[in-house]
Amino acid sequence: MPPPRVVSLLPSATEILCHIGAGVRLVGRSHECDFPDAEVSGLPELTTARTRFETSAQVDRDVRAARGANESLYTLDTGLLAALRPDVILTQDLCDVCAIDLEAVRGIAASMSPVPVVISLRPMTVEDVLDDHLRIGEAVGAGIEAEEAVVRLRERMYTAMDYVPSFASGPTVVFLDWTDPLYVGGHWTPQLIERAGGAHPLNPTVPHENAGAAAGPIGQSLRRAGKSIRVPAEVLAAVDPDVILVCPCGLRLDEAIRETMKLREQVWWRELRAVRGGKVGVIDGNQMFSRPGPRLVDAFEFLVGVLNERPDVVPMEFPWRWVG
């Protein structure tokens, strides 16, 4: 049997596919699948966005308007999808802001002959992300390679965790994945922060049902956080965190810095301990944290390095900077 032809409508799935050495099976991608560039840049794009970024507030209004009208935020080139004759389509049903609607993909796939397999990813935890490597590997005939890749990613995480003090309390962190309005990170991000030694009080992890206290290194995999949540400014100010990390979903580093600097126009922001102490870090939200793929391990190493004052642990080319 020839290798399956794969279409990915999800940037994180594209990264996973390439990370397990199966990028050569990719025949089409979404417009947001941009990494690794050498493997995906020449592939046909099947999606386009209905909205463009101007400001954080404008995107929030556009998203709310589209939801209110029950409209998709993306368009899918169904003719091109059929012409590519995929055997496997990779998509998601975790966030309707992040990719094409799952039911729309399934409906289109059902009309194709032969009908492709639709793999929908819905990771809520770090462990789910690793499991997705195995799911994709199995679907595209690269199961062994996927297992080996997961072993390497786990080893990197365990190595980074050796730099996290076991008994000392770490810094209080507010992680913002949008700035206007303010949203604090959820899903796997609070897990990563807590495992790196920090506390994330505005959206902490809680034990799974019947998991007991889920304390200690073994119990970490039994804890999870909810989705990203909107918080009022006064709630963030009341926490007065030691460190603020700003990583707006989908924004490049320069865009993220520009949106972060707008917050300095507000008195309550300037009075925060992290702001006064120069502990506001801005991260490229197009590349890091918002994509549940192999680079979450880079993000974890970054957190360990920053929260434990071990800059040598931060990956060399991690896209971030402190802002004044």
C-alpha atoms as a PDB file:
ATOM      1  CA  MET A   1       0.000   0.000   0.000  1.00  0.00           C
ATOM      2  CA  PRO A   2       1.329   3.489  -0.814  1.00  0.00           C
ATOM      3  CA  PRO A   3       1.718   5.952   2.089  1.00  0.00           C
ATOM      4  CA  PRO A   4      -1.547   7.775   2.874  1.00  0.00           C
ATOM      5  CA  ARG A   5      -2.116  11.239   1.476  1.00  0.00           C
ATOM      6  CA  VAL A   6      -2.711  13.655   4.350  1.00  0.00           C
ATOM      7  CA  VAL A   7      -4.383  17.067   4.551  1.00  0.00           C
ATOM      8  CA  SER A   8      -3.912  19.031   7.767  1.00  0.00           C
ATOM      9  CA  LEU A   9      -6.314  21.836   8.642  1.00  0.00           C
ATOM     10  CA  LEU A  10      -4.600  22.459  11.981  1.00  0.00           C
ATOM     11  CA  PRO A  11      -1.130  23.963  12.579  1.00  0.00           C
ATOM     12  CA  SER A  12      -0.380  21.790  15.618  1.00  0.00           C
ATOM     13  CA  ALA A  13      -1.297  18.632  13.698  1.00  0.00           C
ATOM     14  CA  THR A  14       1.020  19.697  10.884  1.00  0.00           C
ATOM     15  CA  GLU A  15       3.840  20.159  13.373  1.00  0.00           C
ATOM     16  CA  ILE A  16       3.172  16.764  14.915  1.00  0.00           C
ATOM     17  CA  LEU A  17       3.116  15.099  11.507  1.00  0.00           C
ATOM     18  CA  CYS A  18       6.465  16.622  10.582  1.00  0.00           C
ATOM     19  CA  HIS A  19       7.948  15.936  14.015  1.00  0.00           C
ATOM     20  CA  ILE A  20       7.320  12.202  13.667  1.00  0.00           C
ATOM     21  CA  GLY A  21       8.964  12.200  10.249  1.00  0.00           C
ATOM     22  CA  ALA A  22       5.781  11.895   8.197  1.00  0.00           C
ATOM     23  CA  GLY A  23       5.700  15.361   6.670  1.00  0.00           C
ATOM     24  CA  VAL A  24       6.268  13.874   3.215  1.00  0.00           C
ATOM     25  CA  ARG A  25       2.729  12.472   3.386  1.00  0.00           C
ATOM     26  CA  LEU A  26       1.260  15.978   3.574  1.00  0.00           C
ATOM     27  CA  VAL A  27      -0.436  17.142   0.355  1.00  0.00           C
ATOM     28  CA  GLY A  28      -2.387  20.163   1.648  1.00  0.00           C
ATOM     29  CA  ARG A  29      -2.578  22.443   4.670  1.00  0.00           C
ATOM     30  CA  SER A  30      -4.410  25.329   6.291  1.00  0.00           C
ATOM     31  CA  HIS A  31      -3.243  28.897   5.719  1.00  0.00           C
ATOM     32  CA  GLU A  32      -1.985  28.946   9.325  1.00  0.00           C
ATOM     33  CA  CYS A  33       0.241  25.871   8.976  1.00  0.00           C
ATOM     34  CA  ASP A  34       3.603  27.648   8.758  1.00  0.00           C
ATOM     35  CA  PHE A  35       6.025  25.400  10.657  1.00  0.00           C
ATOM     36  CA  PRO A  36       8.375  23.836   9.776  1.00  0.00           C
ATOM     37  CA  ASP A  37       8.553  26.235   6.853  1.00  0.00           C
ATOM     38  CA  ALA A  38      10.864  24.111   4.718  1.00  0.00           C
ATOM     39  CA  GLU A  39       8.363  21.246   4.702  1.00  0.00           C
ATOM     40  CA  VAL A  40       5.074  23.100   4.308  1.00  0.00           C
ATOM     41  CA  SER A  41       5.668  26.389   2.473  1.00  0.00           C
ATOM     42  CA  GLY A  42       5.094  24.952  -1.002  1.00  0.00           C
ATOM     43  CA  LEU A  43       1.926  23.037  -0.192  1.00  0.00           C
ATOM     44  CA  PRO A  44      -1.558  24.126  -1.309  1.00  0.00           C
ATOM     45  CA  GLU A  45      -3.550  26.179   1.228  1.00  0.00           C
ATOM     46  CA  LEU A  46      -7.125  25.070   1.718  1.00  0.00           C
ATOM     47  CA  THR A  47      -8.405  27.678   4.192  1.00  0.00           C
ATOM     48  CA  THR A  48      -8.625  31.435   4.560  1.00  0.00           C
ATOM     49  CA  ALA A  49      -9.630  33.608   7.511  1.00  0.00           C
ATOM     50  CA  ARG A  50     -12.669  35.878   7.358  1.00  0.00           C
ATOM     51  CA  THR A  51     -11.116  38.376   9.771  1.00  0.00           C
ATOM     52  CA  ARG A  52      -7.730  40.079   9.906  1.00  0.00           C
ATOM     53  CA  PHE A  53      -5.872  41.246  12.985  1.00  0.00           C
ATOM     54  CA  GLU A  54      -5.805  44.988  13.594  1.00  0.00           C
ATOM     55  CA  THR A  55      -6.194  45.204  17.361  1.00  0.00           C
ATOM     56  CA  SER A  56      -7.070  42.740  20.113  1.00  0.00           C
ATOM     57  CA  ALA A  57     -10.379  44.497  20.736  1.00  0.00           C
ATOM     58  CA  GLN A  58     -11.297  44.412  17.042  1.00  0.00           C
ATOM     59  CA  VAL A  59     -10.647  40.663  16.766  1.00  0.00           C
ATOM     60  CA  ASP A  60     -12.744  40.036  19.867  1.00  0.00           C
ATOM     61  CA  ARG A  61     -15.634  41.990  18.317  1.00  0.00           C
ATOM     62  CA  ASP A  62     -15.312  40.115  15.021  1.00  0.00           C
ATOM     63  CA  VAL A  63     -15.304  36.738  16.769  1.00  0.00           C
ATOM     64  CA  ARG A  64     -18.361  37.605  18.846  1.00  0.00           C
ATOM     65  CA  ALA A  65     -20.205  38.884  15.780  1.00  0.00           C
ATOM     66  CA  ALA A  66     -19.446  35.712  13.815  1.00  0.00           C
ATOM     67  CA  ARG A  67     -20.607  33.526  16.674  1.00  0.00           C
ATOM     68  CA  GLY A  68     -23.776  35.555  17.090  1.00  0.00           C
ATOM     69  CA  ALA A  69     -24.566  35.106  13.408  1.00  0.00           C
ATOM     70  CA  ASN A  70     -23.623  31.403  13.554  1.00  0.00           C
ATOM     71  CA  GLU A  71     -20.973  31.985  10.893  1.00  0.00           C
ATOM     72  CA  SER A  72     -17.600  30.327  10.516  1.00  0.00           C
ATOM     73  CA  LEU A  73     -14.427  32.348  10.998  1.00  0.00           C
ATOM     74  CA  TYR A  74     -12.818  30.448   8.104  1.00  0.00           C
ATOM     75  CA  THR A  75     -13.550  29.355   4.562  1.00  0.00           C
ATOM     76  CA  LEU A  76     -12.561  25.975   3.149  1.00  0.00           C
ATOM     77  CA  ASP A  77     -11.770  25.367  -0.522  1.00  0.00           C
ATOM     78  CA  THR A  78     -13.857  22.236  -0.969  1.00  0.00           C
ATOM     79  CA  GLY A  79     -12.968  21.852  -4.631  1.00  0.00           C
ATOM     80  CA  LEU A  80      -9.263  21.835  -3.892  1.00  0.00           C
ATOM     81  CA  LEU A  81      -9.790  19.435  -1.001  1.00  0.00           C
ATOM     82  CA  ALA A  82     -11.538  16.962  -3.297  1.00  0.00           C
ATOM     83  CA  ALA A  83      -8.857  17.368  -5.967  1.00  0.00           C
ATOM     84  CA  LEU A  84      -6.100  16.516  -3.486  1.00  0.00           C
ATOM     85  CA  ARG A  85      -7.752  13.114  -2.799  1.00  0.00           C
ATOM     86  CA  PRO A  86      -6.621  12.815   0.827  1.00  0.00           C
ATOM     87  CA  ASP A  87      -6.788   9.525   2.658  1.00  0.00           C
ATOM     88  CA  VAL A  88      -6.577  11.280   6.040  1.00  0.00           C
ATOM     89  CA  ILE A  89      -7.767  14.721   7.129  1.00  0.00           C
ATOM     90  CA  LEU A  90      -6.410  16.157  10.387  1.00  0.00           C
ATOM     91  CA  THR A  91      -8.569  18.736  12.166  1.00  0.00           C
ATOM     92  CA  GLN A  92      -9.864  19.617  15.664  1.00  0.00           C
ATOM     93  CA  ASP A  93     -12.978  20.262  17.710  1.00  0.00           C
ATOM     94  CA  LEU A  94     -11.350  22.021  20.658  1.00  0.00           C
ATOM     95  CA  CYS A  95     -11.788  25.672  19.687  1.00  0.00           C
ATOM     96  CA  ASP A  96     -14.038  27.216  17.049  1.00  0.00           C
ATOM     97  CA  VAL A  97     -11.764  30.262  16.893  1.00  0.00           C
ATOM     98  CA  CYS A  98      -8.704  28.203  15.934  1.00  0.00           C
ATOM     99  CA  ALA A  99      -9.733  26.182  12.881  1.00  0.00           C
ATOM    100  CA  ILE A 100     -12.501  25.163  10.513  1.00  0.00           C
ATOM    101  CA  ASP A 101     -15.636  23.639  12.067  1.00  0.00           C
ATOM    102  CA  LEU A 102     -15.376  19.851  12.554  1.00  0.00           C
ATOM    103  CA  GLU A 103     -18.892  19.080  11.347  1.00  0.00           C
ATOM    104  CA  ALA A 104     -18.264  21.040   8.165  1.00  0.00           C
ATOM    105  CA  VAL A 105     -15.141  18.967   7.517  1.00  0.00           C
ATOM    106  CA  ARG A 106     -16.987  15.709   8.175  1.00  0.00           C
ATOM    107  CA  GLY A 107     -19.815  16.726   5.850  1.00  0.00           C
ATOM    108  CA  ILE A 108     -17.428  17.498   3.020  1.00  0.00           C
ATOM    109  CA  ALA A 109     -15.418  14.320   3.628  1.00  0.00           C
ATOM    110  CA  ALA A 110     -18.592  12.219   3.472  1.00  0.00           C
ATOM    111  CA  SER A 111     -19.257  13.480  -0.056  1.00  0.00           C
ATOM    112  CA  MET A 112     -15.832  12.383  -1.326  1.00  0.00           C
ATOM    113  CA  SER A 113     -15.006   9.047  -2.899  1.00  0.00           C
ATOM    114  CA  PRO A 114     -13.285   7.250  -1.374  1.00  0.00           C
ATOM    115  CA  VAL A 115     -14.267   8.804   1.957  1.00  0.00           C
ATOM    116  CA  PRO A 116     -11.136   9.948   3.843  1.00  0.00           C
ATOM    117  CA  VAL A 117     -10.588   9.242   7.515  1.00  0.00           C
ATOM    118  CA  VAL A 118     -11.149  12.381   9.599  1.00  0.00           C
ATOM    119  CA  ILE A 119      -8.952  12.558  12.715  1.00  0.00           C
ATOM    120  CA  SER A 120     -10.194  15.239  15.099  1.00  0.00           C
ATOM    121  CA  LEU A 121      -7.904  16.314  17.931  1.00  0.00           C
ATOM    122  CA  ARG A 122      -9.208  17.627  21.251  1.00  0.00           C
ATOM    123  CA  PRO A 123      -6.277  17.867  23.663  1.00  0.00           C
ATOM    124  CA  MET A 124      -6.982  19.248  27.114  1.00  0.00           C
ATOM    125  CA  THR A 125      -3.725  18.276  28.833  1.00  0.00           C
ATOM    126  CA  VAL A 126      -0.043  17.794  28.114  1.00  0.00           C
ATOM    127  CA  GLU A 127      -0.602  14.053  28.158  1.00  0.00           C
ATOM    128  CA  ASP A 128      -3.360  14.434  25.571  1.00  0.00           C
ATOM    129  CA  VAL A 129      -0.916  16.260  23.298  1.00  0.00           C
ATOM    130  CA  LEU A 130       1.568  13.412  23.549  1.00  0.00           C
ATOM    131  CA  ASP A 131      -1.217  10.919  22.894  1.00  0.00           C
ATOM    132  CA  ASP A 132      -2.138  12.886  19.764  1.00  0.00           C
ATOM    133  CA  HIS A 133       1.331  12.155  18.409  1.00  0.00           C
ATOM    134  CA  LEU A 134       0.489   8.462  18.723  1.00  0.00           C
ATOM    135  CA  ARG A 135      -2.982   8.882  17.174  1.00  0.00           C
ATOM    136  CA  ILE A 136      -1.603  10.711  14.168  1.00  0.00           C
ATOM    137  CA  GLY A 137       1.277   8.282  13.820  1.00  0.00           C
ATOM    138  CA  GLU A 138      -1.110   5.320  13.805  1.00  0.00           C
ATOM    139  CA  ALA A 139      -3.388   7.009  11.246  1.00  0.00           C
ATOM    140  CA  VAL A 140      -0.597   7.760   8.762  1.00  0.00           C
ATOM    141  CA  GLY A 141       1.425   4.558   9.111  1.00  0.00           C
ATOM    142  CA  ALA A 142       4.167   6.005  11.312  1.00  0.00           C
ATOM    143  CA  GLY A 143       3.275   4.469  14.653  1.00  0.00           C
ATOM    144  CA  ILE A 144       6.783   3.393  15.621  1.00  0.00           C
ATOM    145  CA  GLU A 145       8.236   6.786  14.712  1.00  0.00           C
ATOM    146  CA  ALA A 146       5.541   8.495  16.776  1.00  0.00           C
ATOM    147  CA  GLU A 147       6.333   6.359  19.824  1.00  0.00           C
ATOM    148  CA  GLU A 148      10.014   7.215  19.533  1.00  0.00           C
ATOM    149  CA  ALA A 149       9.201  10.916  19.209  1.00  0.00           C
ATOM    150  CA  VAL A 150       7.025  10.841  22.328  1.00  0.00           C
ATOM    151  CA  VAL A 151       9.799   9.151  24.305  1.00  0.00           C
ATOM    152  CA  ARG A 152      12.211  11.937  23.318  1.00  0.00           C
ATOM    153  CA  LEU A 153       9.704  14.659  24.260  1.00  0.00           C
ATOM    154  CA  ARG A 154       9.051  13.052  27.642  1.00  0.00           C
ATOM    155  CA  GLU A 155      12.779  12.799  28.316  1.00  0.00           C
ATOM    156  CA  ARG A 156      13.181  16.516  27.650  1.00  0.00           C
ATOM    157  CA  MET A 157      10.334  17.331  30.040  1.00  0.00           C
ATOM    158  CA  TYR A 158      11.777  15.117  32.779  1.00  0.00           C
ATOM    159  CA  THR A 159      15.204  16.694  32.309  1.00  0.00           C
ATOM    160  CA  ALA A 160      13.754  20.197  32.614  1.00  0.00           C
ATOM    161  CA  MET A 161      11.826  19.224  35.759  1.00  0.00           C
ATOM    162  CA  ASP A 162      15.110  18.412  37.492  1.00  0.00           C
ATOM    163  CA  TYR A 163      15.669  22.195  37.718  1.00  0.00           C
ATOM    164  CA  VAL A 164      12.391  22.765  39.597  1.00  0.00           C
ATOM    165  CA  PRO A 165      12.769  22.841  43.412  1.00  0.00           C
ATOM    166  CA  SER A 166      10.624  20.151  44.995  1.00  0.00           C
ATOM    167  CA  PHE A 167       9.719  21.932  48.221  1.00  0.00           C
ATOM    168  CA  ALA A 168      10.166  25.677  47.639  1.00  0.00           C
ATOM    169  CA  SER A 169       7.129  27.711  46.636  1.00  0.00           C
ATOM    170  CA  GLY A 170       7.555  29.355  43.249  1.00  0.00           C
ATOM    171  CA  PRO A 171       6.342  32.658  41.833  1.00  0.00           C
ATOM    172  CA  THR A 172       2.722  33.577  41.270  1.00  0.00           C
ATOM    173  CA  VAL A 173       2.074  33.820  37.533  1.00  0.00           C
ATOM    174  CA  VAL A 174      -0.628  35.396  35.420  1.00  0.00           C
ATOM    175  CA  PHE A 175      -0.549  34.069  31.875  1.00  0.00           C
ATOM    176  CA  LEU A 176      -2.544  36.189  29.429  1.00  0.00           C
ATOM    177  CA  ASP A 177      -3.483  34.662  26.087  1.00  0.00           C
ATOM    178  CA  TRP A 178      -5.453  37.784  25.105  1.00  0.00           C
ATOM    179  CA  THR A 179      -5.173  41.396  26.251  1.00  0.00           C
ATOM    180  CA  ASP A 180      -8.378  43.205  25.236  1.00  0.00           C
ATOM    181  CA  PRO A 181     -10.420  41.852  26.858  1.00  0.00           C
ATOM    182  CA  LEU A 182      -8.170  40.090  29.339  1.00  0.00           C
ATOM    183  CA  TYR A 183      -8.121  36.292  29.090  1.00  0.00           C
ATOM    184  CA  VAL A 184      -5.947  34.014  31.209  1.00  0.00           C
ATOM    185  CA  GLY A 185      -4.616  30.798  29.725  1.00  0.00           C
ATOM    186  CA  GLY A 186      -6.223  27.410  30.187  1.00  0.00           C
ATOM    187  CA  HIS A 187      -6.009  23.793  29.050  1.00  0.00           C
ATOM    188  CA  TRP A 188      -2.366  22.646  29.126  1.00  0.00           C
ATOM    189  CA  THR A 189      -0.848  26.036  29.982  1.00  0.00           C
ATOM    190  CA  PRO A 190      -1.650  26.028  33.741  1.00  0.00           C
ATOM    191  CA  GLN A 191      -0.279  22.467  33.849  1.00  0.00           C
ATOM    192  CA  LEU A 192       3.007  23.598  32.355  1.00  0.00           C
ATOM    193  CA  ILE A 193       3.255  26.593  34.700  1.00  0.00           C
ATOM    194  CA  GLU A 194       2.611  24.499  37.801  1.00  0.00           C
ATOM    195  CA  ARG A 195       5.009  21.745  36.748  1.00  0.00           C
ATOM    196  CA  ALA A 196       7.629  24.439  36.153  1.00  0.00           C
ATOM    197  CA  GLY A 197       7.253  25.527  39.791  1.00  0.00           C
ATOM    198  CA  GLY A 198       4.832  28.436  39.449  1.00  0.00           C
ATOM    199  CA  ALA A 199       1.306  29.047  40.699  1.00  0.00           C
ATOM    200  CA  HIS A 200      -1.475  30.089  38.329  1.00  0.00           C
ATOM    201  CA  PRO A 201      -4.272  31.149  40.703  1.00  0.00           C
ATOM    202  CA  LEU A 202      -6.662  32.651  38.160  1.00  0.00           C
ATOM    203  CA  ASN A 203      -7.098  29.300  36.401  1.00  0.00           C
ATOM    204  CA  PRO A 204      -5.358  26.572  38.411  1.00  0.00           C
ATOM    205  CA  THR A 205      -5.385  22.863  37.719  1.00  0.00           C
ATOM    206  CA  VAL A 206      -7.687  20.643  39.766  1.00  0.00           C
ATOM    207  CA  PRO A 207      -7.619  16.854  40.228  1.00  0.00           C
ATOM    208  CA  HIS A 208      -9.588  14.640  37.890  1.00  0.00           C
ATOM    209  CA  GLU A 209     -12.666  13.060  39.355  1.00  0.00           C
ATOM    210  CA  ASN A 210     -11.702  10.217  41.730  1.00  0.00           C
ATOM    211  CA  ALA A 211      -8.035  11.242  41.554  1.00  0.00           C
ATOM    212  CA  GLY A 212      -7.725  12.069  45.232  1.00  0.00           C
ATOM    213  CA  ALA A 213      -5.345  14.914  46.041  1.00  0.00           C
ATOM    214  CA  ALA A 214      -3.320  14.270  42.864  1.00  0.00           C
ATOM    215  CA  ALA A 215      -0.288  15.640  44.656  1.00  0.00           C
ATOM    216  CA  GLY A 216       3.392  15.183  43.876  1.00  0.00           C
ATOM    217  CA  PRO A 217       5.123  14.302  40.590  1.00  0.00           C
ATOM    218  CA  ILE A 218       3.020  11.194  40.000  1.00  0.00           C
ATOM    219  CA  GLY A 219      -0.232  13.061  40.599  1.00  0.00           C
ATOM    220  CA  GLN A 220       0.582  15.848  38.119  1.00  0.00           C
ATOM    221  CA  SER A 221      -0.855  13.894  35.202  1.00  0.00           C
ATOM    222  CA  LEU A 222      -4.162  13.638  37.093  1.00  0.00           C
ATOM    223  CA  ARG A 223      -4.701  17.394  37.238  1.00  0.00           C
ATOM    224  CA  ARG A 224      -6.180  19.627  34.560  1.00  0.00           C
ATOM    225  CA  ALA A 225      -7.398  23.184  34.079  1.00  0.00           C
ATOM    226  CA  GLY A 226     -10.423  24.514  32.259  1.00  0.00           C
ATOM    227  CA  LYS A 227     -10.543  26.612  29.116  1.00  0.00           C
ATOM    228  CA  SER A 228      -9.108  30.106  28.922  1.00  0.00           C
ATOM    229  CA  ILE A 229     -11.284  32.466  30.921  1.00  0.00           C
ATOM    230  CA  ARG A 230     -12.023  36.160  30.786  1.00  0.00           C
ATOM    231  CA  VAL A 231     -11.079  38.087  33.922  1.00  0.00           C
ATOM    232  CA  PRO A 232     -11.843  41.665  34.992  1.00  0.00           C
ATOM    233  CA  ALA A 233      -8.880  43.971  35.477  1.00  0.00           C
ATOM    234  CA  GLU A 234      -9.634  44.316  39.181  1.00  0.00           C
ATOM    235  CA  VAL A 235      -9.354  40.545  39.644  1.00  0.00           C
ATOM    236  CA  LEU A 236      -5.952  40.447  37.967  1.00  0.00           C
ATOM    237  CA  ALA A 237      -4.849  43.448  40.034  1.00  0.00           C
ATOM    238  CA  ALA A 238      -5.963  41.731  43.241  1.00  0.00           C
ATOM    239  CA  VAL A 239      -3.682  38.769  42.492  1.00  0.00           C
ATOM    240  CA  ASP A 240      -0.746  41.166  41.945  1.00  0.00           C
ATOM    241  CA  PRO A 241       1.459  38.412  40.476  1.00  0.00           C
ATOM    242  CA  ASP A 242       5.211  38.082  40.658  1.00  0.00           C
ATOM    243  CA  VAL A 243       5.422  37.361  36.919  1.00  0.00           C
ATOM    244  CA  ILE A 244       3.131  38.204  34.005  1.00  0.00           C
ATOM    245  CA  LEU A 245       3.493  36.302  30.748  1.00  0.00           C
ATOM    246  CA  VAL A 246       1.649  37.703  27.736  1.00  0.00           C
ATOM    247  CA  CYS A 247       1.198  35.307  24.837  1.00  0.00           C
ATOM    248  CA  PRO A 248      -1.792  36.406  22.717  1.00  0.00           C
ATOM    249  CA  CYS A 249      -3.078  33.458  20.701  1.00  0.00           C
ATOM    250  CA  GLY A 250      -2.049  33.725  17.057  1.00  0.00           C
ATOM    251  CA  LEU A 251      -0.046  36.966  17.333  1.00  0.00           C
ATOM    252  CA  ARG A 252       3.575  37.317  16.268  1.00  0.00           C
ATOM    253  CA  LEU A 253       6.055  38.658  18.806  1.00  0.00           C
ATOM    254  CA  ASP A 254       6.006  42.220  17.441  1.00  0.00           C
ATOM    255  CA  GLU A 255       2.194  42.274  17.497  1.00  0.00           C
ATOM    256  CA  ALA A 256       2.126  40.812  21.008  1.00  0.00           C
ATOM    257  CA  ILE A 257       4.556  43.458  22.269  1.00  0.00           C
ATOM    258  CA  ARG A 258       2.485  46.236  20.727  1.00  0.00           C
ATOM    259  CA  GLU A 259      -0.711  44.979  22.382  1.00  0.00           C
ATOM    260  CA  THR A 260       1.082  44.543  25.723  1.00  0.00           C
ATOM    261  CA  MET A 261       2.421  48.088  25.673  1.00  0.00           C
ATOM    262  CA  LYS A 262      -1.136  49.392  25.331  1.00  0.00           C
ATOM    263  CA  LEU A 263      -1.792  48.017  28.816  1.00  0.00           C
ATOM    264  CA  ARG A 264       0.768  50.474  30.207  1.00  0.00           C
ATOM    265  CA  GLU A 265      -1.715  53.252  29.453  1.00  0.00           C
ATOM    266  CA  GLN A 266      -3.810  51.981  32.381  1.00  0.00           C
ATOM    267  CA  VAL A 267      -2.903  53.011  35.928  1.00  0.00           C
ATOM    268  CA  TRP A 268      -3.842  49.677  37.498  1.00  0.00           C
ATOM    269  CA  TRP A 269      -1.424  47.870  35.172  1.00  0.00           C
ATOM    270  CA  ARG A 270       1.501  50.167  35.950  1.00  0.00           C
ATOM    271  CA  GLU A 271       0.992  49.569  39.669  1.00  0.00           C
ATOM    272  CA  LEU A 272       1.310  45.780  39.442  1.00  0.00           C
ATOM    273  CA  ARG A 273       4.309  44.250  41.198  1.00  0.00           C
ATOM    274  CA  ALA A 274       5.423  42.385  38.077  1.00  0.00           C
ATOM    275  CA  VAL A 275       5.263  45.525  35.955  1.00  0.00           C
ATOM    276  CA  ARG A 276       7.180  47.618  38.482  1.00  0.00           C
ATOM    277  CA  GLY A 277       9.753  44.853  38.829  1.00  0.00           C
ATOM    278  CA  GLY A 278      10.296  44.361  35.098  1.00  0.00           C
ATOM    279  CA  LYS A 279       8.837  40.858  35.165  1.00  0.00           C
ATOM    280  CA  VAL A 280       6.498  41.088  32.186  1.00  0.00           C
ATOM    281  CA  GLY A 281       7.496  38.615  29.497  1.00  0.00           C
ATOM    282  CA  VAL A 282       5.963  38.708  26.029  1.00  0.00           C
ATOM    283  CA  ILE A 283       5.939  35.569  23.896  1.00  0.00           C
ATOM    284  CA  ASP A 284       5.182  34.878  20.250  1.00  0.00           C
ATOM    285  CA  GLY A 285       1.656  33.502  20.530  1.00  0.00           C
ATOM    286  CA  ASN A 286       1.580  32.340  16.934  1.00  0.00           C
ATOM    287  CA  GLN A 287       4.325  29.821  17.604  1.00  0.00           C
ATOM    288  CA  MET A 288       4.224  28.987  21.303  1.00  0.00           C
ATOM    289  CA  PHE A 289       1.698  27.742  23.871  1.00  0.00           C
ATOM    290  CA  SER A 290      -1.367  28.085  21.633  1.00  0.00           C
ATOM    291  CA  ARG A 291      -0.268  25.158  19.439  1.00  0.00           C
ATOM    292  CA  PRO A 292      -0.640  21.820  21.243  1.00  0.00           C
ATOM    293  CA  GLY A 293       2.200  20.091  19.455  1.00  0.00           C
ATOM    294  CA  PRO A 294       5.845  19.184  20.037  1.00  0.00           C
ATOM    295  CA  ARG A 295       6.910  22.773  20.710  1.00  0.00           C
ATOM    296  CA  LEU A 296       4.970  22.702  23.975  1.00  0.00           C
ATOM    297  CA  VAL A 297       8.122  21.072  25.316  1.00  0.00           C
ATOM    298  CA  ASP A 298      10.110  24.140  24.227  1.00  0.00           C
ATOM    299  CA  ALA A 299       7.497  26.228  26.063  1.00  0.00           C
ATOM    300  CA  PHE A 300       7.924  24.107  29.189  1.00  0.00           C
ATOM    301  CA  GLU A 301      11.699  24.493  29.100  1.00  0.00           C
ATOM    302  CA  PHE A 302      11.171  28.249  28.743  1.00  0.00           C
ATOM    303  CA  LEU A 303       8.911  28.301  31.821  1.00  0.00           C
ATOM    304  CA  VAL A 304      11.364  26.289  33.893  1.00  0.00           C
ATOM    305  CA  GLY A 305      14.168  28.634  32.946  1.00  0.00           C
ATOM    306  CA  VAL A 306      12.263  31.870  33.540  1.00  0.00           C
ATOM    307  CA  LEU A 307      10.417  30.901  36.724  1.00  0.00           C
ATOM    308  CA  ASN A 308      13.500  29.362  38.350  1.00  0.00           C
ATOM    309  CA  GLU A 309      16.070  31.892  37.169  1.00  0.00           C
ATOM    310  CA  ARG A 310      17.853  29.347  35.038  1.00  0.00           C
ATOM    311  CA  PRO A 311      18.295  31.121  31.680  1.00  0.00           C
ATOM    312  CA  ASP A 312      20.496  28.272  30.478  1.00  0.00           C
ATOM    313  CA  VAL A 313      17.403  26.036  30.333  1.00  0.00           C
ATOM    314  CA  VAL A 314      15.498  28.370  27.974  1.00  0.00           C
ATOM    315  CA  PRO A 315      15.829  27.197  24.332  1.00  0.00           C
ATOM    316  CA  MET A 316      18.285  29.385  22.451  1.00  0.00           C
ATOM    317  CA  GLU A 317      15.860  30.774  19.860  1.00  0.00           C
ATOM    318  CA  PHE A 318      12.708  30.862  21.948  1.00  0.00           C
ATOM    319  CA  PRO A 319      10.681  33.859  20.625  1.00  0.00           C
ATOM    320  CA  TRP A 320      10.149  36.111  23.633  1.00  0.00           C
ATOM    321  CA  ARG A 321      11.466  39.169  25.494  1.00  0.00           C
ATOM    322  CA  TRP A 322      11.030  41.093  28.732  1.00  0.00           C
ATOM    323  CA  VAL A 323       9.279  44.432  28.238  1.00  0.00           C
ATOM    324  CA  GLY A 324       9.495  47.537  30.409  1.00  0.00           C
END
